[in-house]
């Protein structure tokens, strides 16, 4: 586990000591976040794409370094690009 900063450590200690409590809107917030996660993970389309072998090998190496399947990495890159969080100059 990575080291926690001071604020994170304080939150963890408060949680473990029972000093935290749920907010009044916790069920609605949890439901909304669950819906976001389900929508993000929904895979309802398939594409086939041709890449230069060198690019595919590079993608597979990066995915291996990240510990994820290369298809997942490719989908993540495409998603970030279409959402505007990744540009051609990045």
C-alpha atoms as a PDB file:
ATOM      1  CA  UNK A   1       0.000   0.000   0.000  1.00  0.00           C
ATOM      2  CA  UNK A   2       1.267   3.485  -0.769  1.00  0.00           C
ATOM      3  CA  UNK A   3       2.020   5.934   2.030  1.00  0.00           C
ATOM      4  CA  UNK A   4      -0.807   8.163   3.123  1.00  0.00           C
ATOM      5  CA  UNK A   5      -0.468  11.910   3.424  1.00  0.00           C
ATOM      6  CA  UNK A   6      -1.399  13.622   6.701  1.00  0.00           C
ATOM      7  CA  UNK A   7      -5.018  14.285   5.719  1.00  0.00           C
ATOM      8  CA  UNK A   8      -5.522  10.717   4.461  1.00  0.00           C
ATOM      9  CA  UNK A   9      -4.015   9.332   7.665  1.00  0.00           C
ATOM     10  CA  UNK A  10      -6.372  11.462   9.775  1.00  0.00           C
ATOM     11  CA  UNK A  11      -9.368  10.240   7.784  1.00  0.00           C
ATOM     12  CA  UNK A  12      -8.282   6.620   8.155  1.00  0.00           C
ATOM     13  CA  UNK A  13      -7.785   7.010  11.905  1.00  0.00           C
ATOM     14  CA  UNK A  14     -11.193   8.671  12.302  1.00  0.00           C
ATOM     15  CA  UNK A  15     -12.830   5.859  10.327  1.00  0.00           C
ATOM     16  CA  UNK A  16     -11.067   3.099  12.247  1.00  0.00           C
ATOM     17  CA  UNK A  17     -11.942   4.676  15.608  1.00  0.00           C
ATOM     18  CA  UNK A  18     -15.616   4.951  14.677  1.00  0.00           C
ATOM     19  CA  UNK A  19     -15.664   8.754  14.674  1.00  0.00           C
ATOM     20  CA  UNK A  20     -17.093   8.973  11.163  1.00  0.00           C
ATOM     21  CA  UNK A  21     -20.737   8.729  10.185  1.00  0.00           C
ATOM     22  CA  UNK A  22     -22.616   8.547   6.903  1.00  0.00           C
ATOM     23  CA  UNK A  23     -24.075  11.697   5.450  1.00  0.00           C
ATOM     24  CA  UNK A  24     -27.843  11.942   5.140  1.00  0.00           C
ATOM     25  CA  UNK A  25     -27.658  11.627   1.354  1.00  0.00           C
ATOM     26  CA  UNK A  26     -25.218   8.676   1.362  1.00  0.00           C
ATOM     27  CA  UNK A  27     -27.667   6.185  -0.223  1.00  0.00           C
ATOM     28  CA  UNK A  28     -28.428   8.572  -3.109  1.00  0.00           C
ATOM     29  CA  UNK A  29     -24.731   9.338  -3.597  1.00  0.00           C
ATOM     30  CA  UNK A  30     -23.843   5.642  -3.577  1.00  0.00           C
ATOM     31  CA  UNK A  31     -26.596   4.899  -6.099  1.00  0.00           C
ATOM     32  CA  UNK A  32     -25.422   7.706  -8.400  1.00  0.00           C
ATOM     33  CA  UNK A  33     -21.799   6.559  -8.257  1.00  0.00           C
ATOM     34  CA  UNK A  34     -22.838   2.960  -8.899  1.00  0.00           C
ATOM     35  CA  UNK A  35     -24.727   4.088 -12.008  1.00  0.00           C
ATOM     36  CA  UNK A  36     -21.659   6.034 -13.185  1.00  0.00           C
ATOM     37  CA  UNK A  37     -19.445   2.986 -12.722  1.00  0.00           C
ATOM     38  CA  UNK A  38     -21.870   0.682 -14.530  1.00  0.00           C
ATOM     39  CA  UNK A  39     -22.154   3.093 -17.454  1.00  0.00           C
ATOM     40  CA  UNK A  40     -18.376   3.415 -17.634  1.00  0.00           C
ATOM     41  CA  UNK A  41     -17.862  -0.350 -17.676  1.00  0.00           C
ATOM     42  CA  UNK A  42     -20.664  -1.125 -20.135  1.00  0.00           C
ATOM     43  CA  UNK A  43     -19.199  -2.444 -23.336  1.00  0.00           C
ATOM     44  CA  UNK A  44     -21.823  -2.488 -26.019  1.00  0.00           C
ATOM     45  CA  UNK A  45     -19.840  -2.128 -29.236  1.00  0.00           C
ATOM     46  CA  UNK A  46     -16.971  -3.943 -30.876  1.00  0.00           C
ATOM     47  CA  UNK A  47     -14.442  -2.580 -33.332  1.00  0.00           C
ATOM     48  CA  UNK A  48     -11.716  -4.138 -35.396  1.00  0.00           C
ATOM     49  CA  UNK A  49      -8.659  -2.070 -36.151  1.00  0.00           C
ATOM     50  CA  UNK A  50      -5.459  -2.624 -38.084  1.00  0.00           C
ATOM     51  CA  UNK A  51      -2.257  -1.284 -36.528  1.00  0.00           C
ATOM     52  CA  UNK A  52       1.366  -1.487 -37.495  1.00  0.00           C
ATOM     53  CA  UNK A  53       2.914  -4.464 -35.669  1.00  0.00           C
ATOM     54  CA  UNK A  54       5.398  -2.156 -33.973  1.00  0.00           C
ATOM     55  CA  UNK A  55       2.590  -0.029 -32.491  1.00  0.00           C
ATOM     56  CA  UNK A  56       0.727  -3.105 -31.251  1.00  0.00           C
ATOM     57  CA  UNK A  57       3.876  -4.467 -29.574  1.00  0.00           C
ATOM     58  CA  UNK A  58       4.474  -1.092 -27.936  1.00  0.00           C
ATOM     59  CA  UNK A  59       0.875  -0.983 -26.717  1.00  0.00           C
ATOM     60  CA  UNK A  60       1.188  -4.508 -25.322  1.00  0.00           C
ATOM     61  CA  UNK A  61       4.436  -3.611 -23.521  1.00  0.00           C
ATOM     62  CA  UNK A  62       2.865  -0.549 -21.921  1.00  0.00           C
ATOM     63  CA  UNK A  63      -0.183  -2.546 -20.874  1.00  0.00           C
ATOM     64  CA  UNK A  64       2.029  -5.233 -19.367  1.00  0.00           C
ATOM     65  CA  UNK A  65       3.908  -2.556 -17.399  1.00  0.00           C
ATOM     66  CA  UNK A  66       0.553  -1.235 -16.136  1.00  0.00           C
ATOM     67  CA  UNK A  67      -0.680  -4.737 -15.328  1.00  0.00           C
ATOM     68  CA  UNK A  68      -3.759  -4.507 -17.544  1.00  0.00           C
ATOM     69  CA  UNK A  69      -4.847  -6.158 -20.800  1.00  0.00           C
ATOM     70  CA  UNK A  70      -3.772  -4.216 -23.884  1.00  0.00           C
ATOM     71  CA  UNK A  71      -7.368  -4.001 -25.127  1.00  0.00           C
ATOM     72  CA  UNK A  72      -8.308  -2.258 -21.873  1.00  0.00           C
ATOM     73  CA  UNK A  73      -5.442   0.195 -22.307  1.00  0.00           C
ATOM     74  CA  UNK A  74      -6.455   0.901 -25.915  1.00  0.00           C
ATOM     75  CA  UNK A  75     -10.084   1.473 -24.874  1.00  0.00           C
ATOM     76  CA  UNK A  76      -8.950   3.793 -22.073  1.00  0.00           C
ATOM     77  CA  UNK A  77      -6.796   5.841 -24.444  1.00  0.00           C
ATOM     78  CA  UNK A  78      -9.663   6.165 -26.932  1.00  0.00           C
ATOM     79  CA  UNK A  79     -12.107   7.098 -24.171  1.00  0.00           C
ATOM     80  CA  UNK A  80      -9.809   9.811 -22.797  1.00  0.00           C
ATOM     81  CA  UNK A  81      -9.292  11.197 -26.298  1.00  0.00           C
ATOM     82  CA  UNK A  82     -12.985  11.448 -27.163  1.00  0.00           C
ATOM     83  CA  UNK A  83     -13.710  12.994 -23.748  1.00  0.00           C
ATOM     84  CA  UNK A  84     -11.089  15.686 -24.456  1.00  0.00           C
ATOM     85  CA  UNK A  85      -8.739  14.591 -21.681  1.00  0.00           C
ATOM     86  CA  UNK A  86      -6.076  13.466 -24.139  1.00  0.00           C
ATOM     87  CA  UNK A  87      -4.946  15.479 -27.110  1.00  0.00           C
ATOM     88  CA  UNK A  88      -2.756  14.733 -30.116  1.00  0.00           C
ATOM     89  CA  UNK A  89      -0.001  16.865 -28.607  1.00  0.00           C
ATOM     90  CA  UNK A  90       0.017  15.099 -25.220  1.00  0.00           C
END
